[in-house]
């Protein structure tokens, strides 16, 4: 067997494309998780701010408050509640997106892993074939140098 014989996996390009797609999906998931965490933080800040403003309004309720001041506080609280609802909807959407990306990544991982296992099996088969050929060549070499051996063509 020629030493120039090398293992060639016919689906190597497909495997590399799958690896790149999997890595791209992994990065996309990381970005989505970062956005999700940022949205959670914004929502928590708004909820904290709403609780603080409600507390301030309750503390000042014991005092006399002018109608325009009360209206300003009420409008601001309404605005905060609307913003919180908007961020909650956005957070739910981002959570769905993260779940979809996780499923996509899992599928891409399975596809890539399947191809990688196929490559490993084909490589193991290739190695066994090479070992058989090398063993036969070694046996032939030993038999040719065996003392007292007669040439099969001369007999």
N, C-alpha and C. Protein backbone atom coordinates (compact mmCIF):
# COMPACT_ATOMS: atom_id res chain seq x y z
N UNK A 1 0.85 -1.18 0.00
CA UNK A 1 0.00 0.00 0.00
C UNK A 1 0.88 1.23 0.00
N UNK A 2 0.53 2.17 -0.79
CA UNK A 2 1.31 3.40 -0.92
C UNK A 2 1.16 4.27 0.32
N UNK A 3 2.27 4.86 0.79
CA UNK A 3 2.17 5.74 1.95
C UNK A 3 1.39 7.03 1.64
N UNK A 4 1.16 7.29 0.35
CA UNK A 4 0.43 8.50 -0.03
C UNK A 4 -1.08 8.33 0.17
N UNK A 5 -1.52 7.10 0.44
CA UNK A 5 -2.95 6.87 0.65
C UNK A 5 -3.34 7.52 1.97
N UNK A 6 -4.34 8.36 1.91
CA UNK A 6 -4.79 9.08 3.09
C UNK A 6 -6.29 8.93 3.23
N UNK A 7 -6.73 9.11 4.43
CA UNK A 7 -8.17 9.03 4.69
C UNK A 7 -8.87 10.24 4.11
N UNK A 8 -9.95 9.98 3.43
CA UNK A 8 -10.77 11.07 2.87
C UNK A 8 -12.22 10.80 3.25
N UNK A 9 -12.82 11.74 3.95
CA UNK A 9 -14.23 11.64 4.32
C UNK A 9 -15.02 12.43 3.29
N UNK A 10 -15.88 11.77 2.52
CA UNK A 10 -16.58 12.46 1.44
C UNK A 10 -17.52 13.57 1.91
N UNK A 11 -17.96 13.52 3.16
CA UNK A 11 -18.87 14.53 3.68
C UNK A 11 -18.16 15.56 4.55
N UNK A 12 -16.86 15.71 4.35
CA UNK A 12 -16.07 16.64 5.17
C UNK A 12 -16.59 18.08 5.06
N UNK A 13 -16.93 18.50 3.85
CA UNK A 13 -17.44 19.85 3.65
C UNK A 13 -18.77 20.04 4.37
N UNK A 14 -19.62 19.05 4.28
CA UNK A 14 -20.92 19.12 4.96
C UNK A 14 -20.70 19.19 6.47
N UNK A 15 -19.76 18.40 6.97
CA UNK A 15 -19.45 18.42 8.40
C UNK A 15 -18.95 19.80 8.84
N UNK A 16 -18.08 20.38 8.06
CA UNK A 16 -17.56 21.72 8.40
C UNK A 16 -18.67 22.77 8.38
N UNK A 17 -19.57 22.67 7.41
CA UNK A 17 -20.70 23.61 7.35
C UNK A 17 -21.58 23.44 8.58
N UNK A 18 -21.82 22.18 8.97
CA UNK A 18 -22.62 21.92 10.17
C UNK A 18 -21.94 22.49 11.42
N UNK A 19 -20.63 22.35 11.50
CA UNK A 19 -19.89 22.90 12.64
C UNK A 19 -20.02 24.42 12.68
N UNK A 20 -19.91 25.06 11.53
CA UNK A 20 -20.04 26.52 11.47
C UNK A 20 -21.45 26.96 11.83
N UNK A 21 -22.44 26.24 11.34
CA UNK A 21 -23.83 26.59 11.68
C UNK A 21 -24.08 26.42 13.17
N UNK A 22 -23.53 25.36 13.73
CA UNK A 22 -23.71 25.14 15.17
C UNK A 22 -23.05 26.26 15.97
N UNK A 23 -21.86 26.65 15.58
CA UNK A 23 -21.17 27.74 16.28
C UNK A 23 -21.94 29.04 16.13
N UNK A 24 -22.47 29.29 14.94
CA UNK A 24 -23.26 30.50 14.72
C UNK A 24 -24.51 30.48 15.59
N UNK A 25 -25.16 29.35 15.69
CA UNK A 25 -26.36 29.23 16.53
C UNK A 25 -26.01 29.42 18.00
N UNK A 26 -24.84 28.93 18.39
CA UNK A 26 -24.38 29.10 19.77
C UNK A 26 -24.18 30.59 20.09
N UNK A 27 -23.58 31.32 19.16
CA UNK A 27 -23.37 32.76 19.35
C UNK A 27 -24.69 33.52 19.36
N UNK A 28 -25.60 33.11 18.47
CA UNK A 28 -26.91 33.75 18.41
C UNK A 28 -27.67 33.53 19.73
N UNK A 29 -27.56 32.33 20.28
CA UNK A 29 -28.21 32.04 21.55
C UNK A 29 -27.59 32.87 22.67
N UNK A 30 -26.28 33.02 22.65
CA UNK A 30 -25.61 33.84 23.67
C UNK A 30 -26.08 35.30 23.60
N UNK A 31 -26.23 35.82 22.39
CA UNK A 31 -26.72 37.19 22.24
C UNK A 31 -28.16 37.31 22.73
N UNK A 32 -28.98 36.33 22.41
CA UNK A 32 -30.38 36.36 22.85
C UNK A 32 -30.47 36.27 24.37
N UNK A 33 -29.61 35.45 24.97
CA UNK A 33 -29.60 35.35 26.44
C UNK A 33 -29.16 36.67 27.08
N UNK A 34 -28.22 37.34 26.44
CA UNK A 34 -27.77 38.64 26.96
C UNK A 34 -28.90 39.67 26.86
N UNK A 35 -29.61 39.67 25.73
CA UNK A 35 -30.76 40.58 25.59
C UNK A 35 -31.84 40.27 26.62
N UNK A 36 -32.08 38.99 26.83
CA UNK A 36 -33.09 38.57 27.81
C UNK A 36 -32.71 39.04 29.21
N UNK A 37 -31.46 38.87 29.56
CA UNK A 37 -31.01 39.31 30.89
C UNK A 37 -31.11 40.82 31.04
N UNK A 38 -30.78 41.54 29.98
CA UNK A 38 -30.89 43.00 30.02
C UNK A 38 -32.35 43.43 30.17
N UNK A 39 -33.24 42.76 29.46
CA UNK A 39 -34.68 43.08 29.57
C UNK A 39 -35.19 42.78 30.98
N UNK A 40 -34.74 41.68 31.54
CA UNK A 40 -35.13 41.35 32.92
C UNK A 40 -34.68 42.43 33.89
N UNK A 41 -33.46 42.90 33.67
CA UNK A 41 -32.92 43.95 34.55
C UNK A 41 -33.73 45.24 34.42
N UNK A 42 -34.07 45.62 33.20
CA UNK A 42 -34.87 46.83 32.97
C UNK A 42 -36.23 46.68 33.63
N UNK A 43 -36.84 45.51 33.46
CA UNK A 43 -38.16 45.28 34.07
C UNK A 43 -38.08 45.34 35.59
N UNK A 44 -37.06 44.75 36.16
CA UNK A 44 -36.89 44.80 37.62
C UNK A 44 -36.70 46.25 38.09
N UNK A 45 -35.92 47.01 37.34
CA UNK A 45 -35.71 48.42 37.70
C UNK A 45 -37.03 49.20 37.65
N UNK A 46 -37.81 48.96 36.63
CA UNK A 46 -39.10 49.67 36.51
C UNK A 46 -40.05 49.26 37.63
N UNK A 47 -40.08 47.97 37.95
CA UNK A 47 -40.95 47.51 39.04
C UNK A 47 -40.50 48.11 40.37
N UNK A 48 -39.20 48.17 40.58
CA UNK A 48 -38.68 48.80 41.80
C UNK A 48 -39.05 50.27 41.85
N UNK A 49 -38.93 50.93 40.72
CA UNK A 49 -39.27 52.34 40.63
C UNK A 49 -40.77 52.56 40.91
N UNK A 50 -41.62 51.67 40.41
CA UNK A 50 -43.05 51.77 40.65
C UNK A 50 -43.36 51.61 42.13
N UNK A 51 -42.72 50.64 42.77
CA UNK A 51 -42.94 50.43 44.21
C UNK A 51 -42.48 51.66 45.00
N UNK A 52 -41.34 52.23 44.62
CA UNK A 52 -40.84 53.42 45.31
C UNK A 52 -41.81 54.59 45.14
N UNK A 53 -42.30 54.79 43.93
CA UNK A 53 -43.22 55.92 43.67
C UNK A 53 -44.55 55.71 44.39
N UNK A 54 -45.04 54.47 44.44
CA UNK A 54 -46.27 54.20 45.19
C UNK A 54 -46.06 54.48 46.68
N UNK A 55 -44.91 54.09 47.19
CA UNK A 55 -44.57 54.37 48.59
C UNK A 55 -44.52 55.86 48.85
N UNK A 56 -43.91 56.60 47.94
CA UNK A 56 -43.84 58.06 48.07
C UNK A 56 -45.24 58.66 48.04
N UNK A 57 -46.07 58.17 47.15
CA UNK A 57 -47.43 58.68 47.03
C UNK A 57 -48.23 58.37 48.30
N UNK A 58 -48.05 57.20 48.87
CA UNK A 58 -48.76 56.87 50.11
C UNK A 58 -48.28 57.72 51.28
N UNK A 59 -46.98 57.98 51.32
CA UNK A 59 -46.45 58.82 52.40
C UNK A 59 -46.99 60.24 52.29
N UNK A 60 -47.06 60.74 51.06
CA UNK A 60 -47.54 62.11 50.87
C UNK A 60 -49.06 62.20 50.88
N UNK A 61 -49.74 61.06 50.85
CA UNK A 61 -51.20 61.08 50.88
C UNK A 61 -51.71 61.61 52.22
N UNK A 62 -50.94 61.42 53.28
CA UNK A 62 -51.33 61.92 54.60
C UNK A 62 -51.26 63.44 54.61
N UNK A 63 -50.40 64.00 53.81
CA UNK A 63 -50.29 65.45 53.72
C UNK A 63 -51.26 65.95 52.65
N UNK A 64 -51.50 67.19 52.69
CA UNK A 64 -52.34 67.75 51.64
C UNK A 64 -51.53 67.87 50.36
N UNK A 65 -52.16 67.48 49.26
CA UNK A 65 -51.47 67.54 47.98
C UNK A 65 -52.36 68.31 47.01
N UNK A 66 -51.75 69.15 46.27
CA UNK A 66 -52.48 69.91 45.27
C UNK A 66 -52.95 68.96 44.17
N UNK A 67 -54.05 69.26 43.53
CA UNK A 67 -54.61 68.42 42.47
C UNK A 67 -53.64 68.22 41.30
N UNK A 68 -52.97 69.29 40.83
CA UNK A 68 -52.02 69.08 39.72
C UNK A 68 -50.87 68.14 40.12
N UNK A 69 -50.40 68.24 41.37
CA UNK A 69 -49.33 67.35 41.82
C UNK A 69 -49.81 65.91 41.85
N UNK A 70 -51.03 65.73 42.39
CA UNK A 70 -51.59 64.38 42.45
C UNK A 70 -51.76 63.83 41.04
N UNK A 71 -52.26 64.65 40.12
CA UNK A 71 -52.46 64.22 38.73
C UNK A 71 -51.13 63.86 38.09
N UNK A 72 -50.09 64.62 38.37
CA UNK A 72 -48.76 64.34 37.84
C UNK A 72 -48.26 62.98 38.32
N UNK A 73 -48.42 62.72 39.64
CA UNK A 73 -48.01 61.42 40.19
C UNK A 73 -48.82 60.29 39.58
N UNK A 74 -50.13 60.49 39.45
CA UNK A 74 -51.00 59.45 38.90
C UNK A 74 -50.64 59.16 37.43
N UNK A 75 -50.37 60.20 36.67
CA UNK A 75 -49.99 60.01 35.27
C UNK A 75 -48.65 59.26 35.17
N UNK A 76 -47.70 59.63 36.02
CA UNK A 76 -46.41 58.97 36.01
C UNK A 76 -46.55 57.50 36.38
N UNK A 77 -47.38 57.20 37.37
CA UNK A 77 -47.60 55.80 37.77
C UNK A 77 -48.28 55.01 36.64
N UNK A 78 -49.24 55.63 35.97
CA UNK A 78 -49.88 54.98 34.82
C UNK A 78 -48.85 54.69 33.73
N UNK A 79 -48.01 55.68 33.48
CA UNK A 79 -46.96 55.50 32.47
C UNK A 79 -46.03 54.35 32.86
N UNK A 80 -45.62 54.29 34.12
CA UNK A 80 -44.75 53.20 34.58
C UNK A 80 -45.44 51.84 34.43
N UNK A 81 -46.71 51.77 34.76
CA UNK A 81 -47.44 50.50 34.63
C UNK A 81 -47.55 50.06 33.18
N UNK A 82 -47.79 50.98 32.28
CA UNK A 82 -47.83 50.66 30.86
C UNK A 82 -46.46 50.19 30.36
N UNK A 83 -45.43 50.88 30.81
CA UNK A 83 -44.07 50.49 30.42
C UNK A 83 -43.74 49.10 30.95
N UNK A 84 -44.15 48.82 32.16
CA UNK A 84 -43.90 47.50 32.75
C UNK A 84 -44.62 46.42 31.95
N UNK A 85 -45.87 46.68 31.56
CA UNK A 85 -46.60 45.71 30.75
C UNK A 85 -45.92 45.49 29.40
N UNK A 86 -45.43 46.56 28.81
CA UNK A 86 -44.72 46.46 27.54
C UNK A 86 -43.45 45.62 27.70
N UNK A 87 -42.70 45.87 28.76
CA UNK A 87 -41.47 45.11 29.00
C UNK A 87 -41.78 43.66 29.35
N UNK A 88 -42.88 43.40 30.03
CA UNK A 88 -43.27 42.02 30.33
C UNK A 88 -43.58 41.26 29.04
N UNK A 89 -44.28 41.92 28.13
CA UNK A 89 -44.58 41.29 26.83
C UNK A 89 -43.29 41.04 26.05
N UNK A 90 -42.41 42.04 26.09
CA UNK A 90 -41.12 41.89 25.40
C UNK A 90 -40.30 40.77 26.01
N UNK A 91 -40.32 40.68 27.32
CA UNK A 91 -39.59 39.63 28.02
C UNK A 91 -40.14 38.26 27.64
N UNK A 92 -41.46 38.13 27.58
CA UNK A 92 -42.07 36.85 27.19
C UNK A 92 -41.66 36.48 25.76
N UNK A 93 -41.64 37.46 24.87
CA UNK A 93 -41.22 37.21 23.48
C UNK A 93 -39.76 36.77 23.43
N UNK A 94 -38.92 37.42 24.18
CA UNK A 94 -37.50 37.06 24.19
C UNK A 94 -37.29 35.68 24.80
N UNK A 95 -38.08 35.31 25.80
CA UNK A 95 -37.98 33.97 26.37
C UNK A 95 -38.37 32.92 25.34
N UNK A 96 -39.42 33.19 24.56
CA UNK A 96 -39.81 32.25 23.49
C UNK A 96 -38.70 32.14 22.45
N UNK A 97 -38.10 33.28 22.12
CA UNK A 97 -37.01 33.29 21.14
C UNK A 97 -35.83 32.46 21.66
N UNK A 98 -35.51 32.59 22.93
CA UNK A 98 -34.40 31.83 23.52
C UNK A 98 -34.72 30.33 23.45
N UNK A 99 -35.94 29.95 23.77
CA UNK A 99 -36.32 28.54 23.71
C UNK A 99 -36.20 28.00 22.28
N UNK A 100 -36.65 28.80 21.30
CA UNK A 100 -36.53 28.38 19.90
C UNK A 100 -35.06 28.22 19.50
N UNK A 101 -34.23 29.15 19.93
CA UNK A 101 -32.81 29.06 19.61
C UNK A 101 -32.15 27.85 20.28
N UNK A 102 -32.59 27.53 21.49
CA UNK A 102 -32.06 26.34 22.16
C UNK A 102 -32.42 25.07 21.38
N UNK A 103 -33.67 25.00 20.93
CA UNK A 103 -34.09 23.84 20.14
C UNK A 103 -33.31 23.76 18.83
N UNK A 104 -33.11 24.90 18.20
CA UNK A 104 -32.35 24.94 16.94
C UNK A 104 -30.92 24.48 17.18
N UNK A 105 -30.32 24.97 18.26
CA UNK A 105 -28.95 24.58 18.58
C UNK A 105 -28.87 23.08 18.87
N UNK A 106 -29.84 22.57 19.57
CA UNK A 106 -29.85 21.13 19.88
C UNK A 106 -29.94 20.31 18.59
N UNK A 107 -30.79 20.74 17.67
CA UNK A 107 -30.92 20.03 16.40
C UNK A 107 -29.61 20.09 15.60
N UNK A 108 -29.02 21.27 15.54
CA UNK A 108 -27.75 21.41 14.81
C UNK A 108 -26.66 20.58 15.45
N UNK A 109 -26.64 20.51 16.78
CA UNK A 109 -25.66 19.70 17.48
C UNK A 109 -25.84 18.23 17.12
N UNK A 110 -27.09 17.77 17.11
CA UNK A 110 -27.33 16.37 16.78
C UNK A 110 -26.92 16.05 15.35
N UNK A 111 -27.21 16.95 14.42
CA UNK A 111 -26.82 16.73 13.03
C UNK A 111 -25.30 16.67 12.90
N UNK A 112 -24.62 17.62 13.54
CA UNK A 112 -23.16 17.63 13.46
C UNK A 112 -22.57 16.40 14.12
N UNK A 113 -23.11 16.02 15.27
CA UNK A 113 -22.60 14.86 16.00
C UNK A 113 -22.79 13.58 15.19
N UNK A 114 -23.92 13.48 14.48
CA UNK A 114 -24.18 12.33 13.64
C UNK A 114 -23.12 12.22 12.54
N UNK A 115 -22.83 13.33 11.90
CA UNK A 115 -21.79 13.33 10.86
C UNK A 115 -20.41 13.04 11.45
N UNK A 116 -20.14 13.58 12.62
CA UNK A 116 -18.84 13.34 13.25
C UNK A 116 -18.68 11.86 13.59
N UNK A 117 -19.74 11.24 14.07
CA UNK A 117 -19.68 9.80 14.38
C UNK A 117 -19.50 8.97 13.11
N UNK A 118 -20.19 9.37 12.05
CA UNK A 118 -20.02 8.68 10.77
C UNK A 118 -18.58 8.78 10.30
N UNK A 119 -18.00 9.95 10.45
CA UNK A 119 -16.59 10.14 10.07
C UNK A 119 -15.69 9.25 10.93
N UNK A 120 -15.95 9.20 12.24
CA UNK A 120 -15.14 8.37 13.12
C UNK A 120 -15.24 6.90 12.72
N UNK A 121 -16.44 6.43 12.39
CA UNK A 121 -16.62 5.04 11.98
C UNK A 121 -15.88 4.74 10.69
N UNK A 122 -16.00 5.67 9.73
CA UNK A 122 -15.31 5.46 8.46
C UNK A 122 -13.79 5.50 8.66
N UNK A 123 -13.32 6.35 9.55
CA UNK A 123 -11.88 6.42 9.81
C UNK A 123 -11.41 5.13 10.49
N UNK A 124 -12.21 4.61 11.42
CA UNK A 124 -11.84 3.35 12.08
C UNK A 124 -11.79 2.22 11.06
N UNK A 125 -12.75 2.20 10.15
CA UNK A 125 -12.75 1.18 9.09
C UNK A 125 -11.52 1.34 8.19
N UNK A 126 -11.20 2.57 7.85
CA UNK A 126 -10.02 2.86 7.03
C UNK A 126 -8.76 2.36 7.73
N UNK A 127 -8.65 2.63 9.02
CA UNK A 127 -7.46 2.19 9.77
C UNK A 127 -7.35 0.67 9.80
N UNK A 128 -8.48 0.00 9.99
CA UNK A 128 -8.46 -1.47 9.99
C UNK A 128 -8.00 -2.00 8.65
N UNK A 129 -8.48 -1.42 7.56
CA UNK A 129 -8.07 -1.84 6.22
C UNK A 129 -6.57 -1.60 6.01
N UNK A 130 -6.09 -0.44 6.44
CA UNK A 130 -4.66 -0.14 6.30
C UNK A 130 -3.84 -1.12 7.11
N UNK A 131 -4.28 -1.41 8.32
CA UNK A 131 -3.56 -2.36 9.17
C UNK A 131 -3.52 -3.75 8.54
N UNK A 132 -4.62 -4.18 7.91
CA UNK A 132 -4.65 -5.48 7.24
C UNK A 132 -3.64 -5.52 6.10
N UNK A 133 -3.64 -4.45 5.30
CA UNK A 133 -2.72 -4.39 4.17
C UNK A 133 -1.27 -4.38 4.67
N UNK A 134 -0.99 -3.60 5.69
CA UNK A 134 0.38 -3.54 6.22
C UNK A 134 0.78 -4.88 6.82
N UNK A 135 -0.15 -5.55 7.46
CA UNK A 135 0.15 -6.87 8.03
C UNK A 135 0.46 -7.88 6.93
N UNK A 136 -0.31 -7.83 5.85
CA UNK A 136 -0.05 -8.74 4.72
C UNK A 136 1.30 -8.44 4.08
N UNK A 137 1.61 -7.15 3.94
CA UNK A 137 2.91 -6.78 3.36
C UNK A 137 4.04 -7.23 4.27
N UNK A 138 3.84 -7.09 5.58
CA UNK A 138 4.88 -7.53 6.52
C UNK A 138 5.06 -9.04 6.46
N UNK A 139 3.96 -9.78 6.39
CA UNK A 139 4.04 -11.24 6.28
C UNK A 139 4.74 -11.64 4.99
N UNK A 140 4.40 -10.96 3.90
CA UNK A 140 5.04 -11.28 2.62
C UNK A 140 6.53 -11.00 2.68
N UNK A 141 6.90 -9.92 3.33
CA UNK A 141 8.31 -9.59 3.46
C UNK A 141 9.06 -10.61 4.31
N UNK A 142 8.44 -11.07 5.37
CA UNK A 142 9.07 -12.07 6.23
C UNK A 142 9.18 -13.39 5.49
N UNK A 143 8.15 -13.78 4.76
CA UNK A 143 8.18 -15.04 4.04
C UNK A 143 9.22 -15.03 2.92
N UNK A 144 9.46 -13.89 2.31
CA UNK A 144 10.45 -13.82 1.24
C UNK A 144 11.86 -13.97 1.79
N UNK A 145 12.07 -13.56 3.02
CA UNK A 145 13.41 -13.65 3.59
C UNK A 145 13.61 -14.95 4.39
N UNK A 146 12.62 -15.77 4.44
CA UNK A 146 12.70 -16.99 5.22
C UNK A 146 13.72 -17.93 4.60
N UNK A 147 14.69 -18.38 5.41
CA UNK A 147 15.73 -19.26 4.83
C UNK A 147 15.14 -20.62 4.42
N UNK A 148 15.61 -21.12 3.31
CA UNK A 148 15.21 -22.43 2.83
C UNK A 148 13.88 -22.41 2.10
N UNK A 149 13.32 -21.25 1.91
CA UNK A 149 12.04 -21.16 1.22
C UNK A 149 12.28 -21.26 -0.27
N UNK A 150 11.47 -22.03 -0.89
CA UNK A 150 11.58 -22.20 -2.34
C UNK A 150 10.65 -21.22 -3.02
N UNK A 151 11.08 -20.72 -4.14
CA UNK A 151 10.23 -19.82 -4.92
C UNK A 151 9.06 -20.61 -5.46
N UNK A 152 7.88 -20.05 -5.32
CA UNK A 152 6.68 -20.75 -5.77
C UNK A 152 6.68 -20.88 -7.30
N UNK A 153 7.31 -19.99 -8.00
CA UNK A 153 7.35 -20.06 -9.46
C UNK A 153 8.33 -21.11 -9.95
N UNK A 154 9.37 -21.49 -9.17
CA UNK A 154 10.37 -22.45 -9.59
C UNK A 154 9.90 -23.87 -9.35
N UNK A 155 8.93 -24.06 -8.52
CA UNK A 155 8.49 -25.42 -8.20
C UNK A 155 7.67 -26.00 -9.24
